[in-house]
PDB file of N, CA and C in Angstrom:
ATOM      1  N   MET A   1       0.843  -1.201  -0.007  1.00  0.00           N
ATOM      2  CA  MET A   1       0.005   0.014   0.020  1.00  0.00           C
ATOM      3  C   MET A   1       0.882   1.272  -0.004  1.00  0.00           C
ATOM      4  N   SER A   2       0.633   2.212  -0.921  1.00  0.00           N
ATOM      5  CA  SER A   2       1.472   3.335  -0.992  1.00  0.00           C
ATOM      6  C   SER A   2       0.759   4.496  -0.187  1.00  0.00           C
ATOM      7  N   VAL A   3       1.602   5.256   0.441  1.00  0.00           N
ATOM      8  CA  VAL A   3       1.123   6.414   1.227  1.00  0.00           C
ATOM      9  C   VAL A   3       1.936   7.662   0.795  1.00  0.00           C
ATOM     10  N   THR A   4       1.255   8.737   0.488  1.00  0.00           N
ATOM     11  CA  THR A   4       1.921   9.968   0.114  1.00  0.00           C
ATOM     12  C   THR A   4       1.466  11.060   1.032  1.00  0.00           C
ATOM     13  N   VAL A   5       2.394  11.827   1.546  1.00  0.00           N
ATOM     14  CA  VAL A   5       2.173  12.945   2.420  1.00  0.00           C
ATOM     15  C   VAL A   5       2.433  14.283   1.625  1.00  0.00           C
ATOM     16  N   TYR A   6       1.502  15.069   1.361  1.00  0.00           N
ATOM     17  CA  TYR A   6       1.678  16.361   0.674  1.00  0.00           C
ATOM     18  C   TYR A   6       1.856  17.382   1.802  1.00  0.00           C
ATOM     19  N   THR A   7       2.943  18.112   1.679  1.00  0.00           N
ATOM     20  CA  THR A   7       3.328  19.069   2.744  1.00  0.00           C
ATOM     21  C   THR A   7       3.641  20.428   2.194  1.00  0.00           C
ATOM     22  N   LYS A   8       3.915  21.393   3.122  1.00  0.00           N
ATOM     23  CA  LYS A   8       4.509  22.579   2.724  1.00  0.00           C
ATOM     24  C   LYS A   8       5.570  22.977   3.754  1.00  0.00           C
ATOM     25  N   ALA A   9       6.381  23.877   3.467  1.00  0.00           N
ATOM     26  CA  ALA A   9       7.513  24.270   4.382  1.00  0.00           C
ATOM     27  C   ALA A   9       6.949  24.941   5.662  1.00  0.00           C
ATOM     28  N   HIS A  10       7.737  24.732   6.709  1.00  0.00           N
ATOM     29  CA  HIS A  10       7.378  25.322   8.017  1.00  0.00           C
ATOM     30  C   HIS A  10       5.959  25.006   8.498  1.00  0.00           C
ATOM     31  N   CYS A  11       5.679  23.722   8.379  1.00  0.00           N
ATOM     32  CA  CYS A  11       4.325  23.209   8.740  1.00  0.00           C
ATOM     33  C   CYS A  11       4.437  22.269   9.892  1.00  0.00           C
ATOM     34  N   PRO A  12       4.203  22.740  11.185  1.00  0.00           N
ATOM     35  CA  PRO A  12       4.321  21.792  12.311  1.00  0.00           C
ATOM     36  C   PRO A  12       3.425  20.601  12.193  1.00  0.00           C
ATOM     37  N   GLN A  13       2.218  20.731  11.651  1.00  0.00           N
ATOM     38  CA  GLN A  13       1.337  19.592  11.562  1.00  0.00           C
ATOM     39  C   GLN A  13       1.901  18.581  10.580  1.00  0.00           C
ATOM     40  N   CYS A  14       2.569  19.053   9.542  1.00  0.00           N
ATOM     41  CA  CYS A  14       3.224  18.115   8.539  1.00  0.00           C
ATOM     42  C   CYS A  14       4.331  17.362   9.188  1.00  0.00           C
ATOM     43  N   ASP A  15       5.131  18.064   9.996  1.00  0.00           N
ATOM     44  CA  ASP A  15       6.236  17.393  10.667  1.00  0.00           C
ATOM     45  C   ASP A  15       5.701  16.345  11.672  1.00  0.00           C
ATOM     46  N   ALA A  16       4.669  16.701  12.388  1.00  0.00           N
ATOM     47  CA  ALA A  16       4.094  15.776  13.344  1.00  0.00           C
ATOM     48  C   ALA A  16       3.535  14.528  12.677  1.00  0.00           C
ATOM     49  N   THR A  17       2.878  14.765  11.571  1.00  0.00           N
ATOM     50  CA  THR A  17       2.318  13.637  10.864  1.00  0.00           C
ATOM     51  C   THR A  17       3.386  12.675  10.347  1.00  0.00           C
ATOM     52  N   LYS A  18       4.506  13.316   9.741  1.00  0.00           N
ATOM     53  CA  LYS A  18       5.585  12.444   9.272  1.00  0.00           C
ATOM     54  C   LYS A  18       6.246  11.674  10.391  1.00  0.00           C
ATOM     55  N   ARG A  19       6.443  12.288  11.599  1.00  0.00           N
ATOM     56  CA  ARG A  19       6.991  11.628  12.721  1.00  0.00           C
ATOM     57  C   ARG A  19       6.128  10.477  13.142  1.00  0.00           C
ATOM     58  N   GLN A  20       4.764  10.664  13.239  1.00  0.00           N
ATOM     59  CA  GLN A  20       3.864   9.585  13.702  1.00  0.00           C
ATOM     60  C   GLN A  20       3.840   8.453  12.673  1.00  0.00           C
ATOM     61  N   LEU A  21       3.801   8.780  11.442  1.00  0.00           N
ATOM     62  CA  LEU A  21       3.848   7.730  10.385  1.00  0.00           C
ATOM     63  C   LEU A  21       5.092   6.911  10.521  1.00  0.00           C
ATOM     64  N   ALA A  22       6.246   7.507  10.688  1.00  0.00           N
ATOM     65  CA  ALA A  22       7.515   6.815  10.856  1.00  0.00           C
ATOM     66  C   ALA A  22       7.453   6.005  12.068  1.00  0.00           C
ATOM     67  N   LYS A  23       6.934   6.509  13.224  1.00  0.00           N
ATOM     68  CA  LYS A  23       6.876   5.822  14.482  1.00  0.00           C
ATOM     69  C   LYS A  23       6.002   4.511  14.316  1.00  0.00           C
ATOM     70  N   GLN A  24       4.943   4.641  13.527  1.00  0.00           N
ATOM     71  CA  GLN A  24       4.076   3.520  13.289  1.00  0.00           C
ATOM     72  C   GLN A  24       4.633   2.525  12.309  1.00  0.00           C
ATOM     73  N   GLY A  25       5.825   2.777  11.675  1.00  0.00           N
ATOM     74  CA  GLY A  25       6.421   1.930  10.759  1.00  0.00           C
ATOM     75  C   GLY A  25       5.842   2.041   9.345  1.00  0.00           C
ATOM     76  N   ILE A  26       5.211   3.094   9.059  1.00  0.00           N
ATOM     77  CA  ILE A  26       4.552   3.243   7.774  1.00  0.00           C
ATOM     78  C   ILE A  26       5.526   3.957   6.794  1.00  0.00           C
ATOM     79  N   ASP A  27       5.794   3.337   5.707  1.00  0.00           N
ATOM     80  CA  ASP A  27       6.640   3.948   4.679  1.00  0.00           C
ATOM     81  C   ASP A  27       5.772   4.965   3.902  1.00  0.00           C
ATOM     82  N   PHE A  28       6.361   6.071   3.579  1.00  0.00           N
ATOM     83  CA  PHE A  28       5.598   7.108   2.896  1.00  0.00           C
ATOM     84  C   PHE A  28       6.538   7.942   2.012  1.00  0.00           C
ATOM     85  N   GLU A  29       5.899   8.552   0.962  1.00  0.00           N
ATOM     86  CA  GLU A  29       6.601   9.470   0.137  1.00  0.00           C
ATOM     87  C   GLU A  29       6.128  10.841   0.481  1.00  0.00           C
ATOM     88  N   VAL A  30       7.047  11.838   0.376  1.00  0.00           N
ATOM     89  CA  VAL A  30       6.712  13.183   0.693  1.00  0.00           C
ATOM     90  C   VAL A  30       6.743  14.085  -0.588  1.00  0.00           C
ATOM     91  N   VAL A  31       5.723  14.842  -0.789  1.00  0.00           N
ATOM     92  CA  VAL A  31       5.578  15.740  -1.936  1.00  0.00           C
ATOM     93  C   VAL A  31       5.435  17.156  -1.380  1.00  0.00           C
ATOM     94  N   ASP A  32       6.293  18.062  -1.765  1.00  0.00           N
ATOM     95  CA  ASP A  32       6.207  19.441  -1.381  1.00  0.00           C
ATOM     96  C   ASP A  32       5.247  20.173  -2.301  1.00  0.00           C
ATOM     97  N   LEU A  33       4.109  20.649  -1.708  1.00  0.00           N
ATOM     98  CA  LEU A  33       3.144  21.265  -2.515  1.00  0.00           C
ATOM     99  C   LEU A  33       3.520  22.649  -3.047  1.00  0.00           C
ATOM    100  N   THR A  34       4.594  23.275  -2.454  1.00  0.00           N
ATOM    101  CA  THR A  34       5.026  24.588  -2.979  1.00  0.00           C
ATOM    102  C   THR A  34       5.632  24.433  -4.337  1.00  0.00           C
ATOM    103  N   ALA A  35       6.132  23.269  -4.636  1.00  0.00           N
ATOM    104  CA  ALA A  35       6.699  22.954  -5.997  1.00  0.00           C
ATOM    105  C   ALA A  35       5.682  22.388  -6.971  1.00  0.00           C
ATOM    106  N   ASN A  36       4.417  22.211  -6.468  1.00  0.00           N
ATOM    107  CA  ASN A  36       3.303  21.639  -7.320  1.00  0.00           C
ATOM    108  C   ASN A  36       2.040  22.421  -7.160  1.00  0.00           C
ATOM    109  N   PRO A  37       2.001  23.645  -7.599  1.00  0.00           N
ATOM    110  CA  PRO A  37       0.810  24.523  -7.472  1.00  0.00           C
ATOM    111  C   PRO A  37      -0.432  23.943  -8.159  1.00  0.00           C
ATOM    112  N   GLU A  38      -0.290  23.178  -9.222  1.00  0.00           N
ATOM    113  CA  GLU A  38      -1.422  22.565  -9.879  1.00  0.00           C
ATOM    114  C   GLU A  38      -2.012  21.459  -8.950  1.00  0.00           C
ATOM    115  N   GLN A  39      -1.255  20.847  -8.187  1.00  0.00           N
ATOM    116  CA  GLN A  39      -1.733  19.834  -7.183  1.00  0.00           C
ATOM    117  C   GLN A  39      -2.592  20.566  -6.160  1.00  0.00           C
ATOM    118  N   VAL A  40      -2.079  21.731  -5.706  1.00  0.00           N
ATOM    119  CA  VAL A  40      -2.849  22.498  -4.684  1.00  0.00           C
ATOM    120  C   VAL A  40      -4.231  22.846  -5.171  1.00  0.00           C
ATOM    121  N   GLU A  41      -4.362  23.212  -6.440  1.00  0.00           N
ATOM    122  CA  GLU A  41      -5.658  23.494  -6.993  1.00  0.00           C
ATOM    123  C   GLU A  41      -6.552  22.272  -7.006  1.00  0.00           C
ATOM    124  N   ASP A  42      -5.958  21.185  -7.352  1.00  0.00           N
ATOM    125  CA  ASP A  42      -6.788  19.831  -7.371  1.00  0.00           C
ATOM    126  C   ASP A  42      -7.294  19.542  -5.941  1.00  0.00           C
ATOM    127  N   PHE A  43      -6.346  19.640  -4.958  1.00  0.00           N
ATOM    128  CA  PHE A  43      -6.775  19.330  -3.587  1.00  0.00           C
ATOM    129  C   PHE A  43      -7.858  20.304  -3.116  1.00  0.00           C
ATOM    130  N   LEU A  44      -7.733  21.550  -3.447  1.00  0.00           N
ATOM    131  CA  LEU A  44      -8.769  22.603  -3.026  1.00  0.00           C
ATOM    132  C   LEU A  44     -10.079  22.188  -3.659  1.00  0.00           C
ATOM    133  N   ALA A  45     -10.116  21.775  -4.883  1.00  0.00           N
ATOM    134  CA  ALA A  45     -11.333  21.430  -5.578  1.00  0.00           C
ATOM    135  C   ALA A  45     -11.970  20.113  -4.948  1.00  0.00           C
ATOM    136  N   GLN A  46     -11.095  19.289  -4.275  1.00  0.00           N
ATOM    137  CA  GLN A  46     -11.600  18.102  -3.615  1.00  0.00           C
ATOM    138  C   GLN A  46     -12.022  18.361  -2.155  1.00  0.00           C
ATOM    139  N   GLY A  47     -11.824  19.623  -1.734  1.00  0.00           N
ATOM    140  CA  GLY A  47     -12.272  20.027  -0.406  1.00  0.00           C
ATOM    141  C   GLY A  47     -11.239  19.943   0.694  1.00  0.00           C
ATOM    142  N   PHE A  48      -9.974  19.666   0.322  1.00  0.00           N
ATOM    143  CA  PHE A  48      -8.860  19.725   1.290  1.00  0.00           C
ATOM    144  C   PHE A  48      -8.391  21.097   1.443  1.00  0.00           C
ATOM    145  N   LYS A  49      -8.393  21.627   2.655  1.00  0.00           N
ATOM    146  CA  LYS A  49      -8.078  23.012   2.842  1.00  0.00           C
ATOM    147  C   LYS A  49      -6.815  23.208   3.777  1.00  0.00           C
ATOM    148  N   GLN A  50      -6.183  22.187   4.323  1.00  0.00           N
ATOM    149  CA  GLN A  50      -5.037  22.363   5.126  1.00  0.00           C
ATOM    150  C   GLN A  50      -4.027  21.230   4.857  1.00  0.00           C
ATOM    151  N   THR A  51      -2.745  21.543   5.286  1.00  0.00           N
ATOM    152  CA  THR A  51      -1.786  20.504   5.121  1.00  0.00           C
ATOM    153  C   THR A  51      -1.439  19.957   6.490  1.00  0.00           C
ATOM    154  N   PRO A  52      -0.904  18.737   6.526  1.00  0.00           N
ATOM    155  CA  PRO A  52      -0.611  17.929   5.368  1.00  0.00           C
ATOM    156  C   PRO A  52      -1.934  17.219   4.883  1.00  0.00           C
ATOM    157  N   ILE A  53      -1.702  16.815   3.714  1.00  0.00           N
ATOM    158  CA  ILE A  53      -2.775  15.909   3.046  1.00  0.00           C
ATOM    159  C   ILE A  53      -2.172  14.535   2.875  1.00  0.00           C
ATOM    160  N   VAL A  54      -2.731  13.595   3.530  1.00  0.00           N
ATOM    161  CA  VAL A  54      -2.259  12.159   3.435  1.00  0.00           C
ATOM    162  C   VAL A  54      -3.190  11.423   2.531  1.00  0.00           C
ATOM    163  N   VAL A  55      -2.584  10.729   1.586  1.00  0.00           N
ATOM    164  CA  VAL A  55      -3.362   9.953   0.533  1.00  0.00           C
ATOM    165  C   VAL A  55      -2.757   8.555   0.574  1.00  0.00           C
ATOM    166  N   SER A  56      -3.672   7.568   0.681  1.00  0.00           N
ATOM    167  CA  SER A  56      -3.391   6.143   0.540  1.00  0.00           C
ATOM    168  C   SER A  56      -4.364   5.517  -0.296  1.00  0.00           C
ATOM    169  N   GLU A  57      -4.218   4.288  -0.654  1.00  0.00           N
ATOM    170  CA  GLU A  57      -5.160   3.596  -1.486  1.00  0.00           C
ATOM    171  C   GLU A  57      -6.529   3.402  -0.717  1.00  0.00           C
ATOM    172  N   GLN A  58      -6.506   3.383   0.636  1.00  0.00           N
ATOM    173  CA  GLN A  58      -7.680   3.172   1.426  1.00  0.00           C
ATOM    174  C   GLN A  58      -8.328   4.367   1.924  1.00  0.00           C
ATOM    175  N   VAL A  59      -7.574   5.384   2.312  1.00  0.00           N
ATOM    176  CA  VAL A  59      -8.135   6.586   3.012  1.00  0.00           C
ATOM    177  C   VAL A  59      -7.269   7.776   2.761  1.00  0.00           C
ATOM    178  N   SER A  60      -7.976   8.975   2.815  1.00  0.00           N
ATOM    179  CA  SER A  60      -7.240  10.241   2.664  1.00  0.00           C
ATOM    180  C   SER A  60      -7.765  11.227   3.662  1.00  0.00           C
ATOM    181  N   TRP A  61      -6.903  12.100   4.103  1.00  0.00           N
ATOM    182  CA  TRP A  61      -7.409  13.147   5.115  1.00  0.00           C
ATOM    183  C   TRP A  61      -6.407  14.284   5.012  1.00  0.00           C
ATOM    184  N   SER A  62      -6.829  15.391   5.617  1.00  0.00           N
ATOM    185  CA  SER A  62      -5.933  16.553   5.775  1.00  0.00           C
ATOM    186  C   SER A  62      -5.794  16.978   7.201  1.00  0.00           C
ATOM    187  N   GLY A  63      -4.674  17.612   7.572  1.00  0.00           N
ATOM    188  CA  GLY A  63      -4.412  17.986   8.955  1.00  0.00           C
ATOM    189  C   GLY A  63      -3.712  16.911   9.671  1.00  0.00           C
ATOM    190  N   TYR A  64      -3.298  17.213  10.869  1.00  0.00           N
ATOM    191  CA  TYR A  64      -2.611  16.255  11.747  1.00  0.00           C
ATOM    192  C   TYR A  64      -3.729  15.421  12.443  1.00  0.00           C
ATOM    193  N   ARG A  65      -3.808  14.160  12.085  1.00  0.00           N
ATOM    194  CA  ARG A  65      -4.904  13.286  12.589  1.00  0.00           C
ATOM    195  C   ARG A  65      -4.250  11.996  13.177  1.00  0.00           C
ATOM    196  N   PRO A  66      -3.885  12.054  14.479  1.00  0.00           N
ATOM    197  CA  PRO A  66      -3.315  10.793  15.030  1.00  0.00           C
ATOM    198  C   PRO A  66      -4.229   9.550  14.944  1.00  0.00           C
ATOM    199  N   ASP A  67      -5.580   9.845  15.038  1.00  0.00           N
ATOM    200  CA  ASP A  67      -6.565   8.758  14.912  1.00  0.00           C
ATOM    201  C   ASP A  67      -6.503   8.116  13.592  1.00  0.00           C
ATOM    202  N   MET A  68      -6.370   8.908  12.549  1.00  0.00           N
ATOM    203  CA  MET A  68      -6.281   8.324  11.168  1.00  0.00           C
ATOM    204  C   MET A  68      -4.974   7.621  10.874  1.00  0.00           C
ATOM    205  N   ILE A  69      -3.885   8.089  11.552  1.00  0.00           N
ATOM    206  CA  ILE A  69      -2.609   7.482  11.407  1.00  0.00           C
ATOM    207  C   ILE A  69      -2.738   6.088  11.986  1.00  0.00           C
ATOM    208  N   LYS A  70      -3.269   6.008  13.184  1.00  0.00           N
ATOM    209  CA  LYS A  70      -3.449   4.655  13.865  1.00  0.00           C
ATOM    210  C   LYS A  70      -4.317   3.732  13.038  1.00  0.00           C
ATOM    211  N   GLN A  71      -5.358   4.252  12.448  1.00  0.00           N
ATOM    212  CA  GLN A  71      -6.269   3.470  11.649  1.00  0.00           C
ATOM    213  C   GLN A  71      -5.447   2.931  10.392  1.00  0.00           C
ATOM    214  N   LEU A  72      -4.712   3.806   9.741  1.00  0.00           N
ATOM    215  CA  LEU A  72      -3.867   3.452   8.589  1.00  0.00           C
ATOM    216  C   LEU A  72      -2.905   2.363   8.993  1.00  0.00           C
ATOM    217  N   ALA A  73      -2.278   2.513  10.187  1.00  0.00           N
ATOM    218  CA  ALA A  73      -1.286   1.493  10.655  1.00  0.00           C
ATOM    219  C   ALA A  73      -2.074   0.142  10.844  1.00  0.00           C
ATOM    220  N   ARG A  74      -3.227   0.157  11.421  1.00  0.00           N
ATOM    221  CA  ARG A  74      -3.965  -1.124  11.515  1.00  0.00           C
ATOM    222  C   ARG A  74      -4.268  -1.747  10.142  1.00  0.00           C
ATOM    223  N   GLU A  75      -4.729  -0.911   9.242  1.00  0.00           N
ATOM    224  CA  GLU A  75      -5.090  -1.463   7.921  1.00  0.00           C
ATOM    225  C   GLU A  75      -3.834  -2.017   7.224  1.00  0.00           C
ATOM    226  N   MET A  76      -2.676  -1.312   7.369  1.00  0.00           N
ATOM    227  CA  MET A  76      -1.499  -1.832   6.738  1.00  0.00           C
ATOM    228  C   MET A  76      -1.037  -3.143   7.337  1.00  0.00           C
ATOM    229  N   ALA A  77      -1.164  -3.249   8.676  1.00  0.00           N
ATOM    230  CA  ALA A  77      -0.791  -4.488   9.335  1.00  0.00           C
ATOM    231  C   ALA A  77      -1.703  -5.661   8.877  1.00  0.00           C
ATOM    232  N   THR A  78      -2.981  -5.357   8.527  1.00  0.00           N
ATOM    233  CA  THR A  78      -3.891  -6.373   8.048  1.00  0.00           C
ATOM    234  C   THR A  78      -3.501  -6.800   6.637  1.00  0.00           C
ATOM    235  N   VAL A  79      -3.119  -5.804   5.821  1.00  0.00           N
ATOM    236  CA  VAL A  79      -2.698  -6.073   4.447  1.00  0.00           C
ATOM    237  C   VAL A  79      -1.378  -6.966   4.423  1.00  0.00           C
ATOM    238  N   HIS A  80      -0.505  -6.698   5.368  1.00  0.00           N
ATOM    239  CA  HIS A  80       0.778  -7.398   5.397  1.00  0.00           C
ATOM    240  C   HIS A  80       0.740  -8.727   6.195  1.00  0.00           C
ATOM    241  N   ALA A  81      -0.336  -9.007   6.782  1.00  0.00           N
ATOM    242  CA  ALA A  81      -0.484 -10.200   7.667  1.00  0.00           C
ATOM    243  C   ALA A  81      -0.665 -11.437   6.795  1.00  0.00           C
TER     244      ALA A  81
END
């Protein structure tokens, strides 16, 4: 399962999300939205209004969401079991 974290510079919520994903043992790719303005427009059109935006095959969310990170970790554990 792939996980991508869309971030921007100087974003404490982005840093906290990346730390928690790593702590849960979840591999993820990081994409800097400041280098991808067209992606920002796409996310705004989808209703995402804050960073980070976490996208996986199963679930997507924006903001620092420890509850969603734990849910993602459980789902990944099930997939790899």
